[in-house]
Amino acid sequence: MIEPWVDVQADIDAINRGEAIVDREKATAWTAGRLYGFHTDSGTSYPISGEGFIAMDQKQYSAFKQIIENNGLGPRSEVFLANSRHLTDEDRELVRRLWRIREQERGAE
């Protein structure tokens, strides 16, 4: 997930202007405290790590998708989170936090 304050377009523009530290062998670019990967065949970039990027593992991502399927962080989602034994309390809090970030961003549109 990308925090809403991250200006991804500005990062991509800096990469395209040659202002980033680029490792062509690893297909990565470092700019503004963030690491991006890129597909060498298409040039498509994707976030890897850094300020404003929040990494999710597969179980956290699956829980996040379940919240989407349940139309938000309501009673059904909370029951799902509570009953998901593979999630730790930290996983549950991260997923809730990411959902709130998503909703704040959607409200700003």
PDB file of N, CA and C in Angstrom:
ATOM      1  N   MET A   1       0.844  -1.169   0.000  1.00  0.00           N
ATOM      2  CA  MET A   1       0.000   0.000   0.000  1.00  0.00           C
ATOM      3  C   MET A   1       0.890   1.233   0.000  1.00  0.00           C
ATOM      4  N   ILE A   2       0.358   2.264  -0.616  1.00  0.00           N
ATOM      5  CA  ILE A   2       1.076   3.537  -0.674  1.00  0.00           C
ATOM      6  C   ILE A   2       0.284   4.566   0.123  1.00  0.00           C
ATOM      7  N   GLU A   3       0.956   5.205   1.067  1.00  0.00           N
ATOM      8  CA  GLU A   3       0.315   6.263   1.856  1.00  0.00           C
ATOM      9  C   GLU A   3      -0.154   7.362   0.904  1.00  0.00           C
ATOM     10  N   PRO A   4      -1.287   7.994   1.196  1.00  0.00           N
ATOM     11  CA  PRO A   4      -1.841   8.983   0.279  1.00  0.00           C
ATOM     12  C   PRO A   4      -0.968  10.218   0.065  1.00  0.00           C
ATOM     13  N   TRP A   5      -0.071  10.513   0.980  1.00  0.00           N
ATOM     14  CA  TRP A   5       0.765  11.699   0.840  1.00  0.00           C
ATOM     15  C   TRP A   5       1.938  11.497  -0.117  1.00  0.00           C
ATOM     16  N   VAL A   6       2.201  10.254  -0.511  1.00  0.00           N
ATOM     17  CA  VAL A   6       3.325   9.984  -1.409  1.00  0.00           C
ATOM     18  C   VAL A   6       2.976  10.474  -2.816  1.00  0.00           C
ATOM     19  N   ASP A   7       3.851  11.279  -3.382  1.00  0.00           N
ATOM     20  CA  ASP A   7       3.659  11.778  -4.742  1.00  0.00           C
ATOM     21  C   ASP A   7       4.403  10.846  -5.706  1.00  0.00           C
ATOM     22  N   VAL A   8       3.740   9.762  -6.058  1.00  0.00           N
ATOM     23  CA  VAL A   8       4.344   8.751  -6.927  1.00  0.00           C
ATOM     24  C   VAL A   8       4.718   9.356  -8.277  1.00  0.00           C
ATOM     25  N   GLN A   9       3.868  10.212  -8.811  1.00  0.00           N
ATOM     26  CA  GLN A   9       4.168  10.810 -10.112  1.00  0.00           C
ATOM     27  C   GLN A   9       5.447  11.635 -10.068  1.00  0.00           C
ATOM     28  N   ALA A  10       5.659  12.364  -8.973  1.00  0.00           N
ATOM     29  CA  ALA A  10       6.896  13.138  -8.838  1.00  0.00           C
ATOM     30  C   ALA A  10       8.109  12.207  -8.786  1.00  0.00           C
ATOM     31  N   ASP A  11       7.959  11.065  -8.108  1.00  0.00           N
ATOM     32  CA  ASP A  11       9.049  10.091  -8.066  1.00  0.00           C
ATOM     33  C   ASP A  11       9.345   9.544  -9.461  1.00  0.00           C
ATOM     34  N   ILE A  12       8.307   9.178 -10.191  1.00  0.00           N
ATOM     35  CA  ILE A  12       8.483   8.636 -11.542  1.00  0.00           C
ATOM     36  C   ILE A  12       9.104   9.695 -12.454  1.00  0.00           C
ATOM     37  N   ASP A  13       8.647  10.937 -12.309  1.00  0.00           N
ATOM     38  CA  ASP A  13       9.227  12.022 -13.109  1.00  0.00           C
ATOM     39  C   ASP A  13      10.713  12.182 -12.809  1.00  0.00           C
ATOM     40  N   ALA A  14      11.090  12.102 -11.527  1.00  0.00           N
ATOM     41  CA  ALA A  14      12.501  12.211 -11.147  1.00  0.00           C
ATOM     42  C   ALA A  14      13.307  11.053 -11.740  1.00  0.00           C
ATOM     43  N   ILE A  15      12.748   9.868 -11.715  1.00  0.00           N
ATOM     44  CA  ILE A  15      13.423   8.712 -12.323  1.00  0.00           C
ATOM     45  C   ILE A  15      13.621   8.959 -13.810  1.00  0.00           C
ATOM     46  N   ASN A  16      12.572   9.421 -14.476  1.00  0.00           N
ATOM     47  CA  ASN A  16      12.644   9.649 -15.928  1.00  0.00           C
ATOM     48  C   ASN A  16      13.611  10.777 -16.295  1.00  0.00           C
ATOM     49  N   ARG A  17      13.797  11.742 -15.383  1.00  0.00           N
ATOM     50  CA  ARG A  17      14.745  12.844 -15.636  1.00  0.00           C
ATOM     51  C   ARG A  17      16.182  12.449 -15.325  1.00  0.00           C
ATOM     52  N   GLY A  18      16.373  11.222 -14.821  1.00  0.00           N
ATOM     53  CA  GLY A  18      17.719  10.766 -14.493  1.00  0.00           C
ATOM     54  C   GLY A  18      18.197  11.207 -13.131  1.00  0.00           C
ATOM     55  N   GLU A  19      17.282  11.607 -12.252  1.00  0.00           N
ATOM     56  CA  GLU A  19      17.643  12.108 -10.929  1.00  0.00           C
ATOM     57  C   GLU A  19      17.657  11.017  -9.865  1.00  0.00           C
ATOM     58  N   ALA A  20      17.321   9.798 -10.225  1.00  0.00           N
ATOM     59  CA  ALA A  20      17.287   8.691  -9.270  1.00  0.00           C
ATOM     60  C   ALA A  20      18.571   7.881  -9.368  1.00  0.00           C
ATOM     61  N   ILE A  21      18.828   7.110  -8.335  1.00  0.00           N
ATOM     62  CA  ILE A  21      19.929   6.150  -8.376  1.00  0.00           C
ATOM     63  C   ILE A  21      19.346   4.876  -8.981  1.00  0.00           C
ATOM     64  N   VAL A  22      19.808   4.530 -10.159  1.00  0.00           N
ATOM     65  CA  VAL A  22      19.244   3.400 -10.896  1.00  0.00           C
ATOM     66  C   VAL A  22      20.249   2.257 -10.928  1.00  0.00           C
ATOM     67  N   ASP A  23      19.775   1.055 -10.635  1.00  0.00           N
ATOM     68  CA  ASP A  23      20.567  -0.163 -10.764  1.00  0.00           C
ATOM     69  C   ASP A  23      19.910  -0.985 -11.866  1.00  0.00           C
ATOM     70  N   ARG A  24      20.447  -0.898 -13.043  1.00  0.00           N
ATOM     71  CA  ARG A  24      19.844  -1.586 -14.196  1.00  0.00           C
ATOM     72  C   ARG A  24      19.905  -3.102 -14.051  1.00  0.00           C
ATOM     73  N   GLU A  25      20.950  -3.600 -13.408  1.00  0.00           N
ATOM     74  CA  GLU A  25      21.079  -5.047 -13.208  1.00  0.00           C
ATOM     75  C   GLU A  25      19.949  -5.591 -12.330  1.00  0.00           C
ATOM     76  N   LYS A  26      19.628  -4.849 -11.278  1.00  0.00           N
ATOM     77  CA  LYS A  26      18.546  -5.258 -10.370  1.00  0.00           C
ATOM     78  C   LYS A  26      17.198  -4.694 -10.788  1.00  0.00           C
ATOM     79  N   ALA A  27      17.190  -3.843 -11.798  1.00  0.00           N
ATOM     80  CA  ALA A  27      15.968  -3.189 -12.285  1.00  0.00           C
ATOM     81  C   ALA A  27      15.269  -2.433 -11.157  1.00  0.00           C
ATOM     82  N   THR A  28      16.050  -1.572 -10.475  1.00  0.00           N
ATOM     83  CA  THR A  28      15.506  -0.760  -9.394  1.00  0.00           C
ATOM     84  C   THR A  28      15.945   0.684  -9.545  1.00  0.00           C
ATOM     85  N   ALA A  29      15.171   1.562  -8.924  1.00  0.00           N
ATOM     86  CA  ALA A  29      15.500   2.987  -8.901  1.00  0.00           C
ATOM     87  C   ALA A  29      15.183   3.521  -7.510  1.00  0.00           C
ATOM     88  N   TRP A  30      16.089   4.320  -6.965  1.00  0.00           N
ATOM     89  CA  TRP A  30      15.941   4.892  -5.628  1.00  0.00           C
ATOM     90  C   TRP A  30      15.794   6.401  -5.765  1.00  0.00           C
ATOM     91  N   THR A  31      14.691   6.929  -5.237  1.00  0.00           N
ATOM     92  CA  THR A  31      14.476   8.365  -5.258  1.00  0.00           C
ATOM     93  C   THR A  31      13.584   8.767  -4.085  1.00  0.00           C
ATOM     94  N   ALA A  32      13.848   9.925  -3.516  1.00  0.00           N
ATOM     95  CA  ALA A  32      13.025  10.518  -2.454  1.00  0.00           C
ATOM     96  C   ALA A  32      12.777   9.556  -1.285  1.00  0.00           C
ATOM     97  N   GLY A  33      13.770   8.733  -0.978  1.00  0.00           N
ATOM     98  CA  GLY A  33      13.627   7.809   0.146  1.00  0.00           C
ATOM     99  C   GLY A  33      12.791   6.583  -0.158  1.00  0.00           C
ATOM    100  N   ARG A  34      12.552   6.327  -1.438  1.00  0.00           N
ATOM    101  CA  ARG A  34      11.733   5.175  -1.832  1.00  0.00           C
ATOM    102  C   ARG A  34      12.427   4.381  -2.926  1.00  0.00           C
ATOM    103  N   LEU A  35      12.238   3.055  -2.855  1.00  0.00           N
ATOM    104  CA  LEU A  35      12.803   2.155  -3.850  1.00  0.00           C
ATOM    105  C   LEU A  35      11.688   1.629  -4.736  1.00  0.00           C
ATOM    106  N   TYR A  36      11.883   1.793  -6.035  1.00  0.00           N
ATOM    107  CA  TYR A  36      10.946   1.274  -7.027  1.00  0.00           C
ATOM    108  C   TYR A  36      11.640   0.197  -7.843  1.00  0.00           C
ATOM    109  N   GLY A  37      10.878  -0.779  -8.262  1.00  0.00           N
ATOM    110  CA  GLY A  37      11.354  -1.741  -9.239  1.00  0.00           C
ATOM    111  C   GLY A  37      10.740  -1.370 -10.575  1.00  0.00           C
ATOM    112  N   PHE A  38      11.305  -1.893 -11.640  1.00  0.00           N
ATOM    113  CA  PHE A  38      10.699  -1.659 -12.943  1.00  0.00           C
ATOM    114  C   PHE A  38      10.912  -2.873 -13.835  1.00  0.00           C
ATOM    115  N   HIS A  39       9.943  -3.100 -14.679  1.00  0.00           N
ATOM    116  CA  HIS A  39      10.013  -4.188 -15.647  1.00  0.00           C
ATOM    117  C   HIS A  39      10.812  -3.684 -16.839  1.00  0.00           C
ATOM    118  N   THR A  40      11.903  -4.354 -17.140  1.00  0.00           N
ATOM    119  CA  THR A  40      12.798  -3.871 -18.195  1.00  0.00           C
ATOM    120  C   THR A  40      12.166  -3.949 -19.576  1.00  0.00           C
ATOM    121  N   ASP A  41      11.212  -4.856 -19.772  1.00  0.00           N
ATOM    122  CA  ASP A  41      10.590  -4.970 -21.089  1.00  0.00           C
ATOM    123  C   ASP A  41       9.569  -3.872 -21.350  1.00  0.00           C
ATOM    124  N   SER A  42       8.864  -3.441 -20.308  1.00  0.00           N
ATOM    125  CA  SER A  42       7.808  -2.441 -20.500  1.00  0.00           C
ATOM    126  C   SER A  42       8.122  -1.092 -19.855  1.00  0.00           C
ATOM    127  N   GLY A  43       9.056  -1.090 -18.905  1.00  0.00           N
ATOM    128  CA  GLY A  43       9.357   0.139 -18.183  1.00  0.00           C
ATOM    129  C   GLY A  43       8.382   0.440 -17.059  1.00  0.00           C
ATOM    130  N   THR A  44       7.409  -0.429 -16.858  1.00  0.00           N
ATOM    131  CA  THR A  44       6.426  -0.228 -15.790  1.00  0.00           C
ATOM    132  C   THR A  44       7.110  -0.289 -14.428  1.00  0.00           C
ATOM    133  N   SER A  45       6.812   0.695 -13.583  1.00  0.00           N
ATOM    134  CA  SER A  45       7.404   0.769 -12.248  1.00  0.00           C
ATOM    135  C   SER A  45       6.433   0.265 -11.197  1.00  0.00           C
ATOM    136  N   TYR A  46       6.988  -0.179 -10.081  1.00  0.00           N
ATOM    137  CA  TYR A  46       6.170  -0.632  -8.959  1.00  0.00           C
ATOM    138  C   TYR A  46       6.925  -0.348  -7.663  1.00  0.00           C
ATOM    139  N   PRO A  47       6.200  -0.058  -6.583  1.00  0.00           N
ATOM    140  CA  PRO A  47       6.861   0.263  -5.317  1.00  0.00           C
ATOM    141  C   PRO A  47       7.441  -0.990  -4.662  1.00  0.00           C
ATOM    142  N   ILE A  48       8.587  -0.802  -4.002  1.00  0.00           N
ATOM    143  CA  ILE A  48       9.191  -1.914  -3.267  1.00  0.00           C
ATOM    144  C   ILE A  48       9.241  -1.595  -1.775  1.00  0.00           C
ATOM    145  N   SER A  49       9.894  -0.480  -1.429  1.00  0.00           N
ATOM    146  CA  SER A  49      10.022  -0.137  -0.014  1.00  0.00           C
ATOM    147  C   SER A  49      10.372   1.335   0.126  1.00  0.00           C
ATOM    148  N   GLY A  50      10.281   1.806   1.359  1.00  0.00           N
ATOM    149  CA  GLY A  50      10.682   3.174   1.649  1.00  0.00           C
ATOM    150  C   GLY A  50       9.590   3.975   2.319  1.00  0.00           C
ATOM    151  N   GLU A  51       9.879   5.263   2.510  1.00  0.00           N
ATOM    152  CA  GLU A  51       8.958   6.161   3.191  1.00  0.00           C
ATOM    153  C   GLU A  51       7.614   6.200   2.465  1.00  0.00           C
ATOM    154  N   GLY A  52       6.558   5.895   3.189  1.00  0.00           N
ATOM    155  CA  GLY A  52       5.224   5.965   2.618  1.00  0.00           C
ATOM    156  C   GLY A  52       4.739   4.693   1.955  1.00  0.00           C
ATOM    157  N   PHE A  53       5.590   3.674   1.878  1.00  0.00           N
ATOM    158  CA  PHE A  53       5.177   2.378   1.350  1.00  0.00           C
ATOM    159  C   PHE A  53       4.976   1.437   2.529  1.00  0.00           C
ATOM    160  N   ILE A  54       3.834   0.783   2.570  1.00  0.00           N
ATOM    161  CA  ILE A  54       3.535  -0.141   3.656  1.00  0.00           C
ATOM    162  C   ILE A  54       3.442  -1.541   3.066  1.00  0.00           C
ATOM    163  N   ALA A  55       4.383  -2.381   3.467  1.00  0.00           N
ATOM    164  CA  ALA A  55       4.422  -3.747   2.941  1.00  0.00           C
ATOM    165  C   ALA A  55       3.348  -4.604   3.604  1.00  0.00           C
ATOM    166  N   MET A  56       2.742  -5.460   2.804  1.00  0.00           N
ATOM    167  CA  MET A  56       1.759  -6.416   3.316  1.00  0.00           C
ATOM    168  C   MET A  56       2.186  -7.800   2.860  1.00  0.00           C
ATOM    169  N   ASP A  57       2.059  -8.773   3.763  1.00  0.00           N
ATOM    170  CA  ASP A  57       2.318 -10.137   3.339  1.00  0.00           C
ATOM    171  C   ASP A  57       1.008 -10.744   2.813  1.00  0.00           C
ATOM    172  N   GLN A  58       1.081 -11.975   2.366  1.00  0.00           N
ATOM    173  CA  GLN A  58      -0.079 -12.597   1.723  1.00  0.00           C
ATOM    174  C   GLN A  58      -1.281 -12.706   2.655  1.00  0.00           C
ATOM    175  N   LYS A  59      -1.064 -13.076   3.901  1.00  0.00           N
ATOM    176  CA  LYS A  59      -2.202 -13.226   4.822  1.00  0.00           C
ATOM    177  C   LYS A  59      -2.846 -11.867   5.117  1.00  0.00           C
ATOM    178  N   GLN A  60      -2.040 -10.819   5.226  1.00  0.00           N
ATOM    179  CA  GLN A  60      -2.589  -9.480   5.451  1.00  0.00           C
ATOM    180  C   GLN A  60      -3.362  -9.009   4.225  1.00  0.00           C
ATOM    181  N   TYR A  61      -2.802  -9.254   3.050  1.00  0.00           N
ATOM    182  CA  TYR A  61      -3.479  -8.862   1.814  1.00  0.00           C
ATOM    183  C   TYR A  61      -4.802  -9.615   1.654  1.00  0.00           C
ATOM    184  N   SER A  62      -4.816 -10.893   1.996  1.00  0.00           N
ATOM    185  CA  SER A  62      -6.049 -11.683   1.916  1.00  0.00           C
ATOM    186  C   SER A  62      -7.106 -11.134   2.871  1.00  0.00           C
ATOM    187  N   ALA A  63      -6.682 -10.743   4.064  1.00  0.00           N
ATOM    188  CA  ALA A  63      -7.619 -10.156   5.027  1.00  0.00           C
ATOM    189  C   ALA A  63      -8.151  -8.825   4.503  1.00  0.00           C
ATOM    190  N   PHE A  64      -7.280  -8.031   3.897  1.00  0.00           N
ATOM    191  CA  PHE A  64      -7.702  -6.753   3.318  1.00  0.00           C
ATOM    192  C   PHE A  64      -8.738  -6.982   2.218  1.00  0.00           C
ATOM    193  N   LYS A  65      -8.502  -7.966   1.362  1.00  0.00           N
ATOM    194  CA  LYS A  65      -9.465  -8.284   0.306  1.00  0.00           C
ATOM    195  C   LYS A  65     -10.799  -8.729   0.887  1.00  0.00           C
ATOM    196  N   GLN A  66     -10.751  -9.448   2.005  1.00  0.00           N
ATOM    197  CA  GLN A  66     -11.985  -9.886   2.654  1.00  0.00           C
ATOM    198  C   GLN A  66     -12.786  -8.683   3.147  1.00  0.00           C
ATOM    199  N   ILE A  67     -12.109  -7.662   3.649  1.00  0.00           N
ATOM    200  CA  ILE A  67     -12.799  -6.448   4.080  1.00  0.00           C
ATOM    201  C   ILE A  67     -13.482  -5.790   2.887  1.00  0.00           C
ATOM    202  N   ILE A  68     -12.805  -5.754   1.759  1.00  0.00           N
ATOM    203  CA  ILE A  68     -13.411  -5.201   0.542  1.00  0.00           C
ATOM    204  C   ILE A  68     -14.659  -5.996   0.177  1.00  0.00           C
ATOM    205  N   GLU A  69     -14.553  -7.320   0.198  1.00  0.00           N
ATOM    206  CA  GLU A  69     -15.697  -8.173  -0.144  1.00  0.00           C
ATOM    207  C   GLU A  69     -16.855  -7.988   0.823  1.00  0.00           C
ATOM    208  N   ASN A  70     -16.553  -7.645   2.073  1.00  0.00           N
ATOM    209  CA  ASN A  70     -17.591  -7.413   3.083  1.00  0.00           C
ATOM    210  C   ASN A  70     -18.058  -5.963   3.111  1.00  0.00           C
ATOM    211  N   ASN A  71     -17.693  -5.200   2.083  1.00  0.00           N
ATOM    212  CA  ASN A  71     -18.114  -3.800   1.955  1.00  0.00           C
ATOM    213  C   ASN A  71     -17.659  -2.922   3.112  1.00  0.00           C
ATOM    214  N   GLY A  72     -16.476  -3.185   3.611  1.00  0.00           N
ATOM    215  CA  GLY A  72     -15.920  -2.293   4.612  1.00  0.00           C
ATOM    216  C   GLY A  72     -15.619  -2.961   5.929  1.00  0.00           C
ATOM    217  N   LEU A  73     -15.139  -2.158   6.834  1.00  0.00           N
ATOM    218  CA  LEU A  73     -14.711  -2.619   8.146  1.00  0.00           C
ATOM    219  C   LEU A  73     -15.896  -2.561   9.107  1.00  0.00           C
ATOM    220  N   GLY A  74     -16.844  -3.441   8.862  1.00  0.00           N
ATOM    221  CA  GLY A  74     -18.050  -3.510   9.686  1.00  0.00           C
ATOM    222  C   GLY A  74     -18.067  -4.791  10.493  1.00  0.00           C
ATOM    223  N   PRO A  75     -19.240  -5.132  11.044  1.00  0.00           N
ATOM    224  CA  PRO A  75     -19.347  -6.325  11.894  1.00  0.00           C
ATOM    225  C   PRO A  75     -18.885  -7.618  11.218  1.00  0.00           C
ATOM    226  N   ARG A  76     -19.244  -7.823   9.943  1.00  0.00           N
ATOM    227  CA  ARG A  76     -18.834  -9.059   9.258  1.00  0.00           C
ATOM    228  C   ARG A  76     -17.317  -9.139   9.132  1.00  0.00           C
ATOM    229  N   SER A  77     -16.698  -8.014   8.790  1.00  0.00           N
ATOM    230  CA  SER A  77     -15.242  -8.005   8.668  1.00  0.00           C
ATOM    231  C   SER A  77     -14.568  -8.221  10.014  1.00  0.00           C
ATOM    232  N   GLU A  78     -15.114  -7.609  11.059  1.00  0.00           N
ATOM    233  CA  GLU A  78     -14.529  -7.777  12.391  1.00  0.00           C
ATOM    234  C   GLU A  78     -14.629  -9.227  12.859  1.00  0.00           C
ATOM    235  N   VAL A  79     -15.740  -9.886  12.556  1.00  0.00           N
ATOM    236  CA  VAL A  79     -15.879 -11.306  12.899  1.00  0.00           C
ATOM    237  C   VAL A  79     -14.834 -12.110  12.136  1.00  0.00           C
ATOM    238  N   PHE A  80     -14.683 -11.811  10.844  1.00  0.00           N
ATOM    239  CA  PHE A  80     -13.670 -12.500  10.042  1.00  0.00           C
ATOM    240  C   PHE A  80     -12.282 -12.305  10.647  1.00  0.00           C
ATOM    241  N   LEU A  81     -11.927 -11.054  10.963  1.00  0.00           N
ATOM    242  CA  LEU A  81     -10.605 -10.780  11.527  1.00  0.00           C
ATOM    243  C   LEU A  81     -10.410 -11.500  12.862  1.00  0.00           C
ATOM    244  N   ALA A  82     -11.416 -11.462  13.698  1.00  0.00           N
ATOM    245  CA  ALA A  82     -11.317 -12.092  15.013  1.00  0.00           C
ATOM    246  C   ALA A  82     -11.161 -13.608  14.908  1.00  0.00           C
ATOM    247  N   ASN A  83     -11.809 -14.204  13.913  1.00  0.00           N
ATOM    248  CA  ASN A  83     -11.785 -15.662  13.777  1.00  0.00           C
ATOM    249  C   ASN A  83     -10.651 -16.184  12.905  1.00  0.00           C
ATOM    250  N   SER A  84      -9.852 -15.297  12.338  1.00  0.00           N
ATOM    251  CA  SER A  84      -8.735 -15.715  11.482  1.00  0.00           C
ATOM    252  C   SER A  84      -7.524 -16.025  12.357  1.00  0.00           C
ATOM    253  N   ARG A  85      -7.355 -17.295  12.640  1.00  0.00           N
ATOM    254  CA  ARG A  85      -6.282 -17.713  13.545  1.00  0.00           C
ATOM    255  C   ARG A  85      -4.892 -17.471  12.985  1.00  0.00           C
ATOM    256  N   HIS A  86      -4.780 -17.376  11.667  1.00  0.00           N
ATOM    257  CA  HIS A  86      -3.460 -17.155  11.062  1.00  0.00           C
ATOM    258  C   HIS A  86      -3.004 -15.696  11.169  1.00  0.00           C
ATOM    259  N   LEU A  87      -3.914 -14.801  11.592  1.00  0.00           N
ATOM    260  CA  LEU A  87      -3.561 -13.390  11.760  1.00  0.00           C
ATOM    261  C   LEU A  87      -3.158 -13.112  13.203  1.00  0.00           C
ATOM    262  N   THR A  88      -2.091 -12.354  13.361  1.00  0.00           N
ATOM    263  CA  THR A  88      -1.717 -11.902  14.699  1.00  0.00           C
ATOM    264  C   THR A  88      -2.490 -10.620  15.010  1.00  0.00           C
ATOM    265  N   ASP A  89      -2.422 -10.182  16.247  1.00  0.00           N
ATOM    266  CA  ASP A  89      -3.056  -8.910  16.603  1.00  0.00           C
ATOM    267  C   ASP A  89      -2.437  -7.767  15.798  1.00  0.00           C
ATOM    268  N   GLU A  90      -1.124  -7.842  15.550  1.00  0.00           N
ATOM    269  CA  GLU A  90      -0.451  -6.818  14.754  1.00  0.00           C
ATOM    270  C   GLU A  90      -0.955  -6.834  13.314  1.00  0.00           C
ATOM    271  N   ASP A  91      -1.186  -8.031  12.772  1.00  0.00           N
ATOM    272  CA  ASP A  91      -1.747  -8.140  11.420  1.00  0.00           C
ATOM    273  C   ASP A  91      -3.117  -7.479  11.356  1.00  0.00           C
ATOM    274  N   ARG A  92      -3.950  -7.763  12.341  1.00  0.00           N
ATOM    275  CA  ARG A  92      -5.303  -7.207  12.363  1.00  0.00           C
ATOM    276  C   ARG A  92      -5.264  -5.676  12.416  1.00  0.00           C
ATOM    277  N   GLU A  93      -4.393  -5.137  13.259  1.00  0.00           N
ATOM    278  CA  GLU A  93      -4.291  -3.684  13.378  1.00  0.00           C
ATOM    279  C   GLU A  93      -3.759  -3.057  12.095  1.00  0.00           C
ATOM    280  N   LEU A  94      -2.791  -3.709  11.451  1.00  0.00           N
ATOM    281  CA  LEU A  94      -2.262  -3.188  10.197  1.00  0.00           C
ATOM    282  C   LEU A  94      -3.354  -3.149   9.135  1.00  0.00           C
ATOM    283  N   VAL A  95      -4.123  -4.219   9.031  1.00  0.00           N
ATOM    284  CA  VAL A  95      -5.187  -4.284   8.028  1.00  0.00           C
ATOM    285  C   VAL A  95      -6.238  -3.206   8.298  1.00  0.00           C
ATOM    286  N   ARG A  96      -6.604  -3.023   9.552  1.00  0.00           N
ATOM    287  CA  ARG A  96      -7.567  -1.963   9.898  1.00  0.00           C
ATOM    288  C   ARG A  96      -7.003  -0.585   9.538  1.00  0.00           C
ATOM    289  N   ARG A  97      -5.738  -0.362   9.879  1.00  0.00           N
ATOM    290  CA  ARG A  97      -5.094   0.927   9.568  1.00  0.00           C
ATOM    291  C   ARG A  97      -5.076   1.184   8.065  1.00  0.00           C
ATOM    292  N   LEU A  98      -4.727   0.173   7.291  1.00  0.00           N
ATOM    293  CA  LEU A  98      -4.691   0.328   5.840  1.00  0.00           C
ATOM    294  C   LEU A  98      -6.076   0.589   5.277  1.00  0.00           C
ATOM    295  N   TRP A  99      -7.081  -0.050   5.846  1.00  0.00           N
ATOM    296  CA  TRP A  99      -8.447   0.204   5.395  1.00  0.00           C
ATOM    297  C   TRP A  99      -8.830   1.661   5.663  1.00  0.00           C
ATOM    298  N   ARG A 100      -8.494   2.152   6.846  1.00  0.00           N
ATOM    299  CA  ARG A 100      -8.815   3.545   7.178  1.00  0.00           C
ATOM    300  C   ARG A 100      -8.097   4.512   6.243  1.00  0.00           C
ATOM    301  N   ILE A 101      -6.843   4.231   5.918  1.00  0.00           N
ATOM    302  CA  ILE A 101      -6.094   5.062   4.971  1.00  0.00           C
ATOM    303  C   ILE A 101      -6.806   5.051   3.626  1.00  0.00           C
ATOM    304  N   ARG A 102      -7.213   3.886   3.182  1.00  0.00           N
ATOM    305  CA  ARG A 102      -7.917   3.753   1.899  1.00  0.00           C
ATOM    306  C   ARG A 102      -9.197   4.574   1.896  1.00  0.00           C
ATOM    307  N   GLU A 103      -9.938   4.488   2.976  1.00  0.00           N
ATOM    308  CA  GLU A 103     -11.205   5.209   3.056  1.00  0.00           C
ATOM    309  C   GLU A 103     -10.998   6.720   3.124  1.00  0.00           C
ATOM    310  N   GLN A 104      -9.964   7.161   3.847  1.00  0.00           N
ATOM    311  CA  GLN A 104      -9.663   8.592   3.896  1.00  0.00           C
ATOM    312  C   GLN A 104      -9.329   9.104   2.512  1.00  0.00           C
ATOM    313  N   GLU A 105      -8.540   8.349   1.778  1.00  0.00           N
ATOM    314  CA  GLU A 105      -8.136   8.738   0.430  1.00  0.00           C
ATOM    315  C   GLU A 105      -9.358   8.776  -0.502  1.00  0.00           C
ATOM    316  N   ARG A 106     -10.215   7.801  -0.376  1.00  0.00           N
ATOM    317  CA  ARG A 106     -11.415   7.752  -1.229  1.00  0.00           C
ATOM    318  C   ARG A 106     -12.358   8.916  -0.907  1.00  0.00           C
ATOM    319  N   GLY A 107     -12.383   9.320   0.370  1.00  0.00           N
ATOM    320  CA  GLY A 107     -13.216  10.449   0.766  1.00  0.00           C
ATOM    321  C   GLY A 107     -12.705  11.770   0.241  1.00  0.00           C
ATOM    322  N   ALA A 108     -11.395  11.827  -0.019  1.00  0.00           N
ATOM    323  CA  ALA A 108     -10.785  13.052  -0.512  1.00  0.00           C
ATOM    324  C   ALA A 108     -11.036  13.261  -2.011  1.00  0.00           C
ATOM    325  N   GLU A 109     -11.461  12.211  -2.690  1.00  0.00           N
ATOM    326  CA  GLU A 109     -11.659  12.316  -4.150  1.00  0.00           C
ATOM    327  C   GLU A 109     -12.921  13.060  -4.489  1.00  0.00           C
TER     328      GLU A 109
END
